């Protein structure tokens, strides 16, 4: 199983440019985007103190409810679906791409 350190590596490679090194939405590309990047350290607080794993995963993976033109952030699904691990989300073990499972663990670890 991946852990938060695996997620931190994925974050550094794929997310820092927009969300910043600390995940607070202040990356070097943030000012050039049409939408302000989300402060990823604030997800639990905005969700009643509970990390919103299902919502975060669906958004990162590529929420089918959102058309690609409605999003600024890239979808990370596709080929990742070939390497799945079971992650407990809302009490249900959910097949989750290994890289995104690590990212979820990392994001949960940086909540304020």
PDB file of N, CA and C in Angstrom:
ATOM      1  N   UNK A   1       0.835  -1.188   0.000  1.00  0.00           N
ATOM      2  CA  UNK A   1       0.000   0.000   0.000  1.00  0.00           C
ATOM      3  C   UNK A   1       0.876   1.246   0.000  1.00  0.00           C
ATOM      4  N   UNK A   2       0.473   2.230  -0.752  1.00  0.00           N
ATOM      5  CA  UNK A   2       1.194   3.501  -0.717  1.00  0.00           C
ATOM      6  C   UNK A   2       0.916   4.206   0.609  1.00  0.00           C
ATOM      7  N   UNK A   3       1.755   5.175   0.933  1.00  0.00           N
ATOM      8  CA  UNK A   3       1.533   5.956   2.146  1.00  0.00           C
ATOM      9  C   UNK A   3       1.689   7.439   1.830  1.00  0.00           C
ATOM     10  N   UNK A   4       1.663   8.249   2.866  1.00  0.00           N
ATOM     11  CA  UNK A   4       1.718   9.705   2.683  1.00  0.00           C
ATOM     12  C   UNK A   4       3.006  10.149   1.996  1.00  0.00           C
ATOM     13  N   UNK A   5       4.117   9.448   2.222  1.00  0.00           N
ATOM     14  CA  UNK A   5       5.366   9.860   1.566  1.00  0.00           C
ATOM     15  C   UNK A   5       5.295   9.617   0.059  1.00  0.00           C
ATOM     16  N   UNK A   6       4.602   8.547  -0.357  1.00  0.00           N
ATOM     17  CA  UNK A   6       4.389   8.325  -1.790  1.00  0.00           C
ATOM     18  C   UNK A   6       3.526   9.447  -2.361  1.00  0.00           C
ATOM     19  N   UNK A   7       2.504   9.831  -1.616  1.00  0.00           N
ATOM     20  CA  UNK A   7       1.634  10.924  -2.046  1.00  0.00           C
ATOM     21  C   UNK A   7       2.364  12.250  -2.107  1.00  0.00           C
ATOM     22  N   UNK A   8       3.285  12.472  -1.169  1.00  0.00           N
ATOM     23  CA  UNK A   8       4.068  13.715  -1.178  1.00  0.00           C
ATOM     24  C   UNK A   8       4.917  13.796  -2.441  1.00  0.00           C
ATOM     25  N   UNK A   9       5.467  12.659  -2.865  1.00  0.00           N
ATOM     26  CA  UNK A   9       6.266  12.638  -4.097  1.00  0.00           C
ATOM     27  C   UNK A   9       5.393  12.929  -5.308  1.00  0.00           C
ATOM     28  N   UNK A  10       4.189  12.339  -5.365  1.00  0.00           N
ATOM     29  CA  UNK A  10       3.258  12.601  -6.463  1.00  0.00           C
ATOM     30  C   UNK A  10       2.868  14.077  -6.460  1.00  0.00           C
ATOM     31  N   UNK A  11       2.590  14.620  -5.271  1.00  0.00           N
ATOM     32  CA  UNK A  11       2.209  16.020  -5.124  1.00  0.00           C
ATOM     33  C   UNK A  11       3.326  16.934  -5.639  1.00  0.00           C
ATOM     34  N   UNK A  12       4.559  16.652  -5.241  1.00  0.00           N
ATOM     35  CA  UNK A  12       5.699  17.477  -5.663  1.00  0.00           C
ATOM     36  C   UNK A  12       5.851  17.470  -7.180  1.00  0.00           C
ATOM     37  N   UNK A  13       5.560  16.341  -7.790  1.00  0.00           N
ATOM     38  CA  UNK A  13       5.735  16.211  -9.234  1.00  0.00           C
ATOM     39  C   UNK A  13       4.570  16.797 -10.037  1.00  0.00           C
ATOM     40  N   UNK A  14       3.355  16.749  -9.486  1.00  0.00           N
ATOM     41  CA  UNK A  14       2.174  17.080 -10.276  1.00  0.00           C
ATOM     42  C   UNK A  14       1.339  18.259  -9.785  1.00  0.00           C
ATOM     43  N   UNK A  15       1.523  18.691  -8.552  1.00  0.00           N
ATOM     44  CA  UNK A  15       0.572  19.635  -7.960  1.00  0.00           C
ATOM     45  C   UNK A  15       1.176  20.952  -7.476  1.00  0.00           C
ATOM     46  N   UNK A  16       2.471  20.954  -7.176  1.00  0.00           N
ATOM     47  CA  UNK A  16       3.122  22.113  -6.556  1.00  0.00           C
ATOM     48  C   UNK A  16       3.024  23.371  -7.411  1.00  0.00           C
ATOM     49  N   UNK A  17       3.094  23.234  -8.724  1.00  0.00           N
ATOM     50  CA  UNK A  17       3.094  24.420  -9.589  1.00  0.00           C
ATOM     51  C   UNK A  17       1.864  25.289  -9.371  1.00  0.00           C
ATOM     52  N   UNK A  18       0.741  24.679  -9.064  1.00  0.00           N
ATOM     53  CA  UNK A  18      -0.485  25.450  -8.846  1.00  0.00           C
ATOM     54  C   UNK A  18      -0.844  25.570  -7.360  1.00  0.00           C
ATOM     55  N   UNK A  19      -0.759  24.451  -6.624  1.00  0.00           N
ATOM     56  CA  UNK A  19      -1.180  24.451  -5.222  1.00  0.00           C
ATOM     57  C   UNK A  19      -0.092  24.884  -4.261  1.00  0.00           C
ATOM     58  N   UNK A  20       1.147  25.012  -4.733  1.00  0.00           N
ATOM     59  CA  UNK A  20       2.247  25.455  -3.880  1.00  0.00           C
ATOM     60  C   UNK A  20       2.830  24.324  -3.057  1.00  0.00           C
ATOM     61  N   UNK A  21       4.032  24.537  -2.570  1.00  0.00           N
ATOM     62  CA  UNK A  21       4.755  23.511  -1.808  1.00  0.00           C
ATOM     63  C   UNK A  21       4.023  23.112  -0.537  1.00  0.00           C
ATOM     64  N   UNK A  22       3.272  24.036   0.043  1.00  0.00           N
ATOM     65  CA  UNK A  22       2.549  23.725   1.272  1.00  0.00           C
ATOM     66  C   UNK A  22       1.098  23.327   1.016  1.00  0.00           C
ATOM     67  N   UNK A  23       0.667  23.374  -0.245  1.00  0.00           N
ATOM     68  CA  UNK A  23      -0.708  22.988  -0.582  1.00  0.00           C
ATOM     69  C   UNK A  23      -1.737  24.073  -0.350  1.00  0.00           C
ATOM     70  N   UNK A  24      -1.283  25.307  -0.129  1.00  0.00           N
ATOM     71  CA  UNK A  24      -2.215  26.376   0.205  1.00  0.00           C
ATOM     72  C   UNK A  24      -2.681  27.199  -0.993  1.00  0.00           C
ATOM     73  N   UNK A  25      -2.421  26.707  -2.206  1.00  0.00           N
ATOM     74  CA  UNK A  25      -2.934  27.379  -3.402  1.00  0.00           C
ATOM     75  C   UNK A  25      -2.078  28.519  -3.906  1.00  0.00           C
ATOM     76  N   UNK A  26      -0.816  28.549  -3.495  1.00  0.00           N
ATOM     77  CA  UNK A  26       0.052  29.680  -3.847  1.00  0.00           C
ATOM     78  C   UNK A  26       1.239  29.262  -4.714  1.00  0.00           C
ATOM     79  N   UNK A  27       1.010  28.337  -5.629  1.00  0.00           N
ATOM     80  CA  UNK A  27       2.075  27.876  -6.512  1.00  0.00           C
ATOM     81  C   UNK A  27       2.470  28.928  -7.530  1.00  0.00           C
ATOM     82  N   UNK A  28       3.580  28.707  -8.206  1.00  0.00           N
ATOM     83  CA  UNK A  28       4.108  29.682  -9.162  1.00  0.00           C
ATOM     84  C   UNK A  28       3.160  29.935 -10.321  1.00  0.00           C
ATOM     85  N   UNK A  29       2.289  29.003 -10.667  1.00  0.00           N
ATOM     86  CA  UNK A  29       1.343  29.189 -11.774  1.00  0.00           C
ATOM     87  C   UNK A  29      -0.019  29.709 -11.319  1.00  0.00           C
ATOM     88  N   UNK A  30      -0.226  29.838 -10.035  1.00  0.00           N
ATOM     89  CA  UNK A  30      -1.538  30.182  -9.491  1.00  0.00           C
ATOM     90  C   UNK A  30      -2.093  31.486 -10.053  1.00  0.00           C
ATOM     91  N   UNK A  31      -1.274  32.489 -10.192  1.00  0.00           N
ATOM     92  CA  UNK A  31      -1.749  33.790 -10.666  1.00  0.00           C
ATOM     93  C   UNK A  31      -2.178  33.774 -12.131  1.00  0.00           C
ATOM     94  N   UNK A  32      -1.702  32.796 -12.884  1.00  0.00           N
ATOM     95  CA  UNK A  32      -2.017  32.719 -14.310  1.00  0.00           C
ATOM     96  C   UNK A  32      -3.276  31.909 -14.601  1.00  0.00           C
ATOM     97  N   UNK A  33      -3.890  31.329 -13.578  1.00  0.00           N
ATOM     98  CA  UNK A  33      -5.059  30.470 -13.775  1.00  0.00           C
ATOM     99  C   UNK A  33      -6.351  31.264 -13.694  1.00  0.00           C
ATOM    100  N   UNK A  34      -7.371  30.785 -14.394  1.00  0.00           N
ATOM    101  CA  UNK A  34      -8.674  31.466 -14.363  1.00  0.00           C
ATOM    102  C   UNK A  34      -9.405  31.235 -13.048  1.00  0.00           C
ATOM    103  N   UNK A  35      -9.077  30.169 -12.352  1.00  0.00           N
ATOM    104  CA  UNK A  35      -9.665  29.883 -11.036  1.00  0.00           C
ATOM    105  C   UNK A  35      -8.534  29.763 -10.022  1.00  0.00           C
ATOM    106  N   UNK A  36      -8.757  30.273  -8.834  1.00  0.00           N
ATOM    107  CA  UNK A  36      -7.758  30.203  -7.773  1.00  0.00           C
ATOM    108  C   UNK A  36      -7.639  28.749  -7.316  1.00  0.00           C
ATOM    109  N   UNK A  37      -6.417  28.209  -7.241  1.00  0.00           N
ATOM    110  CA  UNK A  37      -6.260  26.839  -6.757  1.00  0.00           C
ATOM    111  C   UNK A  37      -6.755  26.702  -5.321  1.00  0.00           C
ATOM    112  N   UNK A  38      -7.368  25.593  -5.043  1.00  0.00           N
ATOM    113  CA  UNK A  38      -7.904  25.309  -3.716  1.00  0.00           C
ATOM    114  C   UNK A  38      -6.790  25.203  -2.682  1.00  0.00           C
ATOM    115  N   UNK A  39      -7.049  25.717  -1.488  1.00  0.00           N
ATOM    116  CA  UNK A  39      -6.149  25.518  -0.354  1.00  0.00           C
ATOM    117  C   UNK A  39      -6.400  24.094   0.132  1.00  0.00           C
ATOM    118  N   UNK A  40      -5.504  23.193  -0.177  1.00  0.00           N
ATOM    119  CA  UNK A  40      -5.690  21.780   0.131  1.00  0.00           C
ATOM    120  C   UNK A  40      -5.463  21.448   1.593  1.00  0.00           C
ATOM    121  N   UNK A  41      -4.964  22.400   2.379  1.00  0.00           N
ATOM    122  CA  UNK A  41      -4.764  22.161   3.811  1.00  0.00           C
ATOM    123  C   UNK A  41      -6.026  22.456   4.606  1.00  0.00           C
ATOM    124  N   UNK A  42      -7.048  22.923   3.938  1.00  0.00           N
ATOM    125  CA  UNK A  42      -8.274  23.403   4.577  1.00  0.00           C
ATOM    126  C   UNK A  42      -9.492  22.515   4.258  1.00  0.00           C
ATOM    127  N   UNK A  43      -9.270  21.370   3.610  1.00  0.00           N
ATOM    128  CA  UNK A  43     -10.391  20.545   3.162  1.00  0.00           C
ATOM    129  C   UNK A  43     -11.215  19.993   4.333  1.00  0.00           C
ATOM    130  N   UNK A  44     -10.549  19.504   5.365  1.00  0.00           N
ATOM    131  CA  UNK A  44     -11.267  18.935   6.507  1.00  0.00           C
ATOM    132  C   UNK A  44     -12.074  20.001   7.241  1.00  0.00           C
ATOM    133  N   UNK A  45     -11.460  21.144   7.477  1.00  0.00           N
ATOM    134  CA  UNK A  45     -12.161  22.211   8.198  1.00  0.00           C
ATOM    135  C   UNK A  45     -13.431  22.612   7.455  1.00  0.00           C
ATOM    136  N   UNK A  46     -13.352  22.696   6.132  1.00  0.00           N
ATOM    137  CA  UNK A  46     -14.526  23.079   5.339  1.00  0.00           C
ATOM    138  C   UNK A  46     -15.546  21.949   5.223  1.00  0.00           C
ATOM    139  N   UNK A  47     -15.206  20.775   5.753  1.00  0.00           N
ATOM    140  CA  UNK A  47     -16.107  19.625   5.698  1.00  0.00           C
ATOM    141  C   UNK A  47     -16.441  19.138   7.113  1.00  0.00           C
ATOM    142  N   UNK A  48     -16.613  20.070   8.023  1.00  0.00           N
ATOM    143  CA  UNK A  48     -17.015  19.726   9.383  1.00  0.00           C
ATOM    144  C   UNK A  48     -15.980  18.949  10.168  1.00  0.00           C
ATOM    145  N   UNK A  49     -14.702  19.114   9.826  1.00  0.00           N
ATOM    146  CA  UNK A  49     -13.637  18.448  10.559  1.00  0.00           C
ATOM    147  C   UNK A  49     -13.302  17.049  10.057  1.00  0.00           C
ATOM    148  N   UNK A  50     -13.939  16.624   8.979  1.00  0.00           N
ATOM    149  CA  UNK A  50     -13.700  15.289   8.421  1.00  0.00           C
ATOM    150  C   UNK A  50     -13.085  15.432   7.035  1.00  0.00           C
ATOM    151  N   UNK A  51     -11.995  14.717   6.795  1.00  0.00           N
ATOM    152  CA  UNK A  51     -11.357  14.771   5.485  1.00  0.00           C
ATOM    153  C   UNK A  51     -12.308  14.165   4.443  1.00  0.00           C
ATOM    154  N   UNK A  52     -12.653  14.922   3.388  1.00  0.00           N
ATOM    155  CA  UNK A  52     -13.615  14.460   2.384  1.00  0.00           C
ATOM    156  C   UNK A  52     -12.953  13.570   1.317  1.00  0.00           C
ATOM    157  N   UNK A  53     -12.564  12.366   1.710  1.00  0.00           N
ATOM    158  CA  UNK A  53     -11.796  11.484   0.821  1.00  0.00           C
ATOM    159  C   UNK A  53     -12.532  11.181  -0.480  1.00  0.00           C
ATOM    160  N   UNK A  54     -13.811  10.849  -0.401  1.00  0.00           N
ATOM    161  CA  UNK A  54     -14.557  10.496  -1.619  1.00  0.00           C
ATOM    162  C   UNK A  54     -14.636  11.673  -2.581  1.00  0.00           C
ATOM    163  N   UNK A  55     -14.931  12.836  -2.065  1.00  0.00           N
ATOM    164  CA  UNK A  55     -15.037  14.025  -2.918  1.00  0.00           C
ATOM    165  C   UNK A  55     -13.675  14.398  -3.504  1.00  0.00           C
ATOM    166  N   UNK A  56     -12.627  14.335  -2.686  1.00  0.00           N
ATOM    167  CA  UNK A  56     -11.286  14.659  -3.172  1.00  0.00           C
ATOM    168  C   UNK A  56     -10.856  13.670  -4.256  1.00  0.00           C
ATOM    169  N   UNK A  57     -11.091  12.388  -4.013  1.00  0.00           N
ATOM    170  CA  UNK A  57     -10.702  11.383  -4.995  1.00  0.00           C
ATOM    171  C   UNK A  57     -11.450  11.566  -6.313  1.00  0.00           C
ATOM    172  N   UNK A  58     -12.744  11.809  -6.236  1.00  0.00           N
ATOM    173  CA  UNK A  58     -13.508  11.949  -7.478  1.00  0.00           C
ATOM    174  C   UNK A  58     -13.064  13.183  -8.255  1.00  0.00           C
ATOM    175  N   UNK A  59     -12.707  14.246  -7.553  1.00  0.00           N
ATOM    176  CA  UNK A  59     -12.266  15.448  -8.251  1.00  0.00           C
ATOM    177  C   UNK A  59     -10.887  15.254  -8.876  1.00  0.00           C
ATOM    178  N   UNK A  60      -9.966  14.678  -8.123  1.00  0.00           N
ATOM    179  CA  UNK A  60      -8.608  14.473  -8.631  1.00  0.00           C
ATOM    180  C   UNK A  60      -8.614  13.489  -9.796  1.00  0.00           C
ATOM    181  N   UNK A  61      -9.337  12.400  -9.624  1.00  0.00           N
ATOM    182  CA  UNK A  61      -9.356  11.356 -10.653  1.00  0.00           C
ATOM    183  C   UNK A  61     -10.007  11.863 -11.932  1.00  0.00           C
ATOM    184  N   UNK A  62     -10.990  12.730 -11.776  1.00  0.00           N
ATOM    185  CA  UNK A  62     -11.698  13.273 -12.927  1.00  0.00           C
ATOM    186  C   UNK A  62     -13.178  13.038 -12.770  1.00  0.00           C
ATOM    187  N   UNK A  63     -13.826  13.849 -11.984  1.00  0.00           N
ATOM    188  CA  UNK A  63     -15.243  13.711 -11.681  1.00  0.00           C
ATOM    189  C   UNK A  63     -16.065  13.703 -12.965  1.00  0.00           C
ATOM    190  N   UNK A  64     -16.787  12.606 -13.251  1.00  0.00           N
ATOM    191  CA  UNK A  64     -17.565  12.541 -14.489  1.00  0.00           C
ATOM    192  C   UNK A  64     -18.707  13.556 -14.533  1.00  0.00           C
ATOM    193  N   UNK A  65     -19.039  14.153 -13.407  1.00  0.00           N
ATOM    194  CA  UNK A  65     -20.082  15.175 -13.379  1.00  0.00           C
ATOM    195  C   UNK A  65     -19.595  16.495 -13.969  1.00  0.00           C
ATOM    196  N   UNK A  66     -18.286  16.632 -14.078  1.00  0.00           N
ATOM    197  CA  UNK A  66     -17.691  17.867 -14.579  1.00  0.00           C
ATOM    198  C   UNK A  66     -17.115  17.614 -15.969  1.00  0.00           C
ATOM    199  N   UNK A  67     -17.535  18.375 -16.923  1.00  0.00           N
ATOM    200  CA  UNK A  67     -16.933  18.270 -18.245  1.00  0.00           C
ATOM    201  C   UNK A  67     -15.519  18.810 -18.207  1.00  0.00           C
ATOM    202  N   UNK A  68     -14.679  18.380 -19.136  1.00  0.00           N
ATOM    203  CA  UNK A  68     -13.282  18.811 -19.099  1.00  0.00           C
ATOM    204  C   UNK A  68     -13.134  20.316 -19.267  1.00  0.00           C
ATOM    205  N   UNK A  69     -14.095  20.969 -19.884  1.00  0.00           N
ATOM    206  CA  UNK A  69     -13.991  22.418 -20.055  1.00  0.00           C
ATOM    207  C   UNK A  69     -14.378  23.174 -18.787  1.00  0.00           C
ATOM    208  N   UNK A  70     -15.045  22.489 -17.845  1.00  0.00           N
ATOM    209  CA  UNK A  70     -15.464  23.137 -16.610  1.00  0.00           C
ATOM    210  C   UNK A  70     -14.357  23.130 -15.563  1.00  0.00           C
ATOM    211  N   UNK A  71     -13.271  22.408 -15.819  1.00  0.00           N
ATOM    212  CA  UNK A  71     -12.198  22.266 -14.843  1.00  0.00           C
ATOM    213  C   UNK A  71     -10.947  22.977 -15.328  1.00  0.00           C
ATOM    214  N   UNK A  72     -10.182  23.440 -14.383  1.00  0.00           N
ATOM    215  CA  UNK A  72      -8.863  23.974 -14.686  1.00  0.00           C
ATOM    216  C   UNK A  72      -7.836  22.876 -14.416  1.00  0.00           C
ATOM    217  N   UNK A  73      -8.060  22.102 -13.365  1.00  0.00           N
ATOM    218  CA  UNK A  73      -7.130  21.063 -12.962  1.00  0.00           C
ATOM    219  C   UNK A  73      -7.213  19.874 -13.914  1.00  0.00           C
ATOM    220  N   UNK A  74      -6.072  19.283 -14.255  1.00  0.00           N
ATOM    221  CA  UNK A  74      -6.109  18.099 -15.122  1.00  0.00           C
ATOM    222  C   UNK A  74      -6.730  16.909 -14.411  1.00  0.00           C
ATOM    223  N   UNK A  75      -7.284  15.992 -15.186  1.00  0.00           N
ATOM    224  CA  UNK A  75      -7.796  14.755 -14.640  1.00  0.00           C
ATOM    225  C   UNK A  75      -6.648  13.755 -14.621  1.00  0.00           C
ATOM    226  N   UNK A  76      -6.558  12.985 -13.550  1.00  0.00           N
ATOM    227  CA  UNK A  76      -5.457  12.044 -13.401  1.00  0.00           C
ATOM    228  C   UNK A  76      -5.904  10.598 -13.528  1.00  0.00           C
ATOM    229  N   UNK A  77      -7.000  10.334 -14.201  1.00  0.00           N
ATOM    230  CA  UNK A  77      -7.497   8.968 -14.374  1.00  0.00           C
ATOM    231  C   UNK A  77      -6.721   8.228 -15.438  1.00  0.00           C
ATOM    232  N   UNK A  78      -7.428   7.664 -16.375  1.00  0.00           N
ATOM    233  CA  UNK A  78      -6.804   6.996 -17.511  1.00  0.00           C
ATOM    234  C   UNK A  78      -5.971   5.800 -17.139  1.00  0.00           C
ATOM    235  N   UNK A  79      -4.691   5.809 -17.539  1.00  0.00           N
ATOM    236  CA  UNK A  79      -3.801   4.669 -17.346  1.00  0.00           C
ATOM    237  C   UNK A  79      -3.621   4.300 -15.878  1.00  0.00           C
ATOM    238  N   UNK A  80      -3.878   5.233 -14.955  1.00  0.00           N
ATOM    239  CA  UNK A  80      -3.748   4.922 -13.534  1.00  0.00           C
ATOM    240  C   UNK A  80      -4.698   3.811 -13.106  1.00  0.00           C
ATOM    241  N   UNK A  81      -5.784   3.635 -13.834  1.00  0.00           N
ATOM    242  CA  UNK A  81      -6.799   2.659 -13.459  1.00  0.00           C
ATOM    243  C   UNK A  81      -6.298   1.223 -13.563  1.00  0.00           C
ATOM    244  N   UNK A  82      -5.111   1.034 -14.106  1.00  0.00           N
ATOM    245  CA  UNK A  82      -4.571  -0.311 -14.251  1.00  0.00           C
ATOM    246  C   UNK A  82      -3.850  -0.799 -12.999  1.00  0.00           C
ATOM    247  N   UNK A  83      -3.520   0.092 -12.066  1.00  0.00           N
ATOM    248  CA  UNK A  83      -2.803  -0.275 -10.841  1.00  0.00           C
ATOM    249  C   UNK A  83      -3.620   0.207  -9.648  1.00  0.00           C
ATOM    250  N   UNK A  84      -4.534  -0.661  -9.176  1.00  0.00           N
ATOM    251  CA  UNK A  84      -5.479  -0.278  -8.135  1.00  0.00           C
ATOM    252  C   UNK A  84      -5.135  -0.926  -6.800  1.00  0.00           C
ATOM    253  N   UNK A  85      -5.448  -0.203  -5.717  1.00  0.00           N
ATOM    254  CA  UNK A  85      -5.320  -0.722  -4.356  1.00  0.00           C
ATOM    255  C   UNK A  85      -6.636  -0.425  -3.634  1.00  0.00           C
ATOM    256  N   UNK A  86      -6.996  -1.233  -2.622  1.00  0.00           N
ATOM    257  CA  UNK A  86      -8.234  -0.971  -1.884  1.00  0.00           C
ATOM    258  C   UNK A  86      -8.022   0.125  -0.840  1.00  0.00           C
ATOM    259  N   UNK A  87      -8.831   1.159  -0.913  1.00  0.00           N
ATOM    260  CA  UNK A  87      -8.772   2.263   0.052  1.00  0.00           C
ATOM    261  C   UNK A  87     -10.158   2.397   0.665  1.00  0.00           C
ATOM    262  N   UNK A  88     -10.201   2.488   1.989  1.00  0.00           N
ATOM    263  CA  UNK A  88     -11.496   2.647   2.657  1.00  0.00           C
ATOM    264  C   UNK A  88     -11.969   4.089   2.499  1.00  0.00           C
ATOM    265  N   UNK A  89     -13.087   4.241   1.820  1.00  0.00           N
ATOM    266  CA  UNK A  89     -13.689   5.549   1.608  1.00  0.00           C
ATOM    267  C   UNK A  89     -15.140   5.456   2.038  1.00  0.00           C
ATOM    268  N   UNK A  90     -15.490   6.247   3.030  1.00  0.00           N
ATOM    269  CA  UNK A  90     -16.844   6.245   3.588  1.00  0.00           C
ATOM    270  C   UNK A  90     -17.276   4.839   3.989  1.00  0.00           C
ATOM    271  N   UNK A  91     -16.346   4.074   4.590  1.00  0.00           N
ATOM    272  CA  UNK A  91     -16.659   2.750   5.101  1.00  0.00           C
ATOM    273  C   UNK A  91     -16.676   1.639   4.070  1.00  0.00           C
ATOM    274  N   UNK A  92     -16.320   1.950   2.827  1.00  0.00           N
ATOM    275  CA  UNK A  92     -16.330   0.950   1.755  1.00  0.00           C
ATOM    276  C   UNK A  92     -14.927   0.881   1.145  1.00  0.00           C
ATOM    277  N   UNK A  93     -14.405  -0.338   1.021  1.00  0.00           N
ATOM    278  CA  UNK A  93     -13.117  -0.485   0.353  1.00  0.00           C
ATOM    279  C   UNK A  93     -13.325  -0.253  -1.134  1.00  0.00           C
ATOM    280  N   UNK A  94     -12.652   0.767  -1.644  1.00  0.00           N
ATOM    281  CA  UNK A  94     -12.843   1.241  -3.015  1.00  0.00           C
ATOM    282  C   UNK A  94     -11.566   1.045  -3.812  1.00  0.00           C
ATOM    283  N   UNK A  95     -11.644   0.368  -4.974  1.00  0.00           N
ATOM    284  CA  UNK A  95     -10.451   0.256  -5.812  1.00  0.00           C
ATOM    285  C   UNK A  95     -10.005   1.655  -6.246  1.00  0.00           C
ATOM    286  N   UNK A  96      -8.785   1.997  -5.917  1.00  0.00           N
ATOM    287  CA  UNK A  96      -8.264   3.350  -6.134  1.00  0.00           C
ATOM    288  C   UNK A  96      -6.890   3.256  -6.790  1.00  0.00           C
ATOM    289  N   UNK A  97      -6.628   4.078  -7.799  1.00  0.00           N
ATOM    290  CA  UNK A  97      -5.283   4.074  -8.377  1.00  0.00           C
ATOM    291  C   UNK A  97      -4.229   4.283  -7.289  1.00  0.00           C
ATOM    292  N   UNK A  98      -3.202   3.461  -7.331  1.00  0.00           N
ATOM    293  CA  UNK A  98      -2.149   3.486  -6.306  1.00  0.00           C
ATOM    294  C   UNK A  98      -1.606   4.905  -6.073  1.00  0.00           C
ATOM    295  N   UNK A  99      -1.300   5.627  -7.129  1.00  0.00           N
ATOM    296  CA  UNK A  99      -0.730   6.977  -6.995  1.00  0.00           C
ATOM    297  C   UNK A  99      -1.706   7.912  -6.290  1.00  0.00           C
ATOM    298  N   UNK A 100      -2.990   7.776  -6.601  1.00  0.00           N
ATOM    299  CA  UNK A 100      -3.975   8.662  -5.986  1.00  0.00           C
ATOM    300  C   UNK A 100      -4.267   8.259  -4.546  1.00  0.00           C
ATOM    301  N   UNK A 101      -4.137   6.979  -4.232  1.00  0.00           N
ATOM    302  CA  UNK A 101      -4.289   6.552  -2.834  1.00  0.00           C
ATOM    303  C   UNK A 101      -3.215   7.220  -1.990  1.00  0.00           C
ATOM    304  N   UNK A 102      -1.979   7.203  -2.465  1.00  0.00           N
ATOM    305  CA  UNK A 102      -0.908   7.883  -1.740  1.00  0.00           C
ATOM    306  C   UNK A 102      -1.168   9.366  -1.610  1.00  0.00           C
ATOM    307  N   UNK A 103      -1.676   9.968  -2.688  1.00  0.00           N
ATOM    308  CA  UNK A 103      -1.985  11.402  -2.648  1.00  0.00           C
ATOM    309  C   UNK A 103      -3.070  11.701  -1.620  1.00  0.00           C
ATOM    310  N   UNK A 104      -4.090  10.852  -1.549  1.00  0.00           N
ATOM    311  CA  UNK A 104      -5.137  11.058  -0.539  1.00  0.00           C
ATOM    312  C   UNK A 104      -4.551  11.011   0.862  1.00  0.00           C
ATOM    313  N   UNK A 105      -3.679  10.017   1.128  1.00  0.00           N
ATOM    314  CA  UNK A 105      -3.063   9.911   2.453  1.00  0.00           C
ATOM    315  C   UNK A 105      -2.223  11.156   2.753  1.00  0.00           C
ATOM    316  N   UNK A 106      -1.515  11.661   1.754  1.00  0.00           N
ATOM    317  CA  UNK A 106      -0.717  12.866   1.938  1.00  0.00           C
ATOM    318  C   UNK A 106      -1.610  14.071   2.229  1.00  0.00           C
ATOM    319  N   UNK A 107      -2.650  14.241   1.422  1.00  0.00           N
ATOM    320  CA  UNK A 107      -3.537  15.391   1.627  1.00  0.00           C
ATOM    321  C   UNK A 107      -4.174  15.351   3.011  1.00  0.00           C
ATOM    322  N   UNK A 108      -4.557  14.183   3.451  1.00  0.00           N
ATOM    323  CA  UNK A 108      -5.133  14.075   4.794  1.00  0.00           C
ATOM    324  C   UNK A 108      -4.096  14.453   5.850  1.00  0.00           C
ATOM    325  N   UNK A 109      -2.834  14.146   5.593  1.00  0.00           N
ATOM    326  CA  UNK A 109      -1.777  14.435   6.579  1.00  0.00           C
ATOM    327  C   UNK A 109      -1.445  15.919   6.685  1.00  0.00           C
ATOM    328  N   UNK A 110      -1.802  16.726   5.691  1.00  0.00           N
ATOM    329  CA  UNK A 110      -1.451  18.159   5.735  1.00  0.00           C
ATOM    330  C   UNK A 110      -2.624  19.040   6.166  1.00  0.00           C
ATOM    331  N   UNK A 111      -3.695  18.437   6.640  1.00  0.00           N
ATOM    332  CA  UNK A 111      -4.847  19.249   7.064  1.00  0.00           C
ATOM    333  C   UNK A 111      -4.496  20.046   8.308  1.00  0.00           C
ATOM    334  N   UNK A 112      -5.005  21.288   8.354  1.00  0.00           N
ATOM    335  CA  UNK A 112      -4.778  22.169   9.504  1.00  0.00           C
ATOM    336  C   UNK A 112      -5.922  22.049  10.471  1.00  0.00           C
TER     337      UNK A 112
END
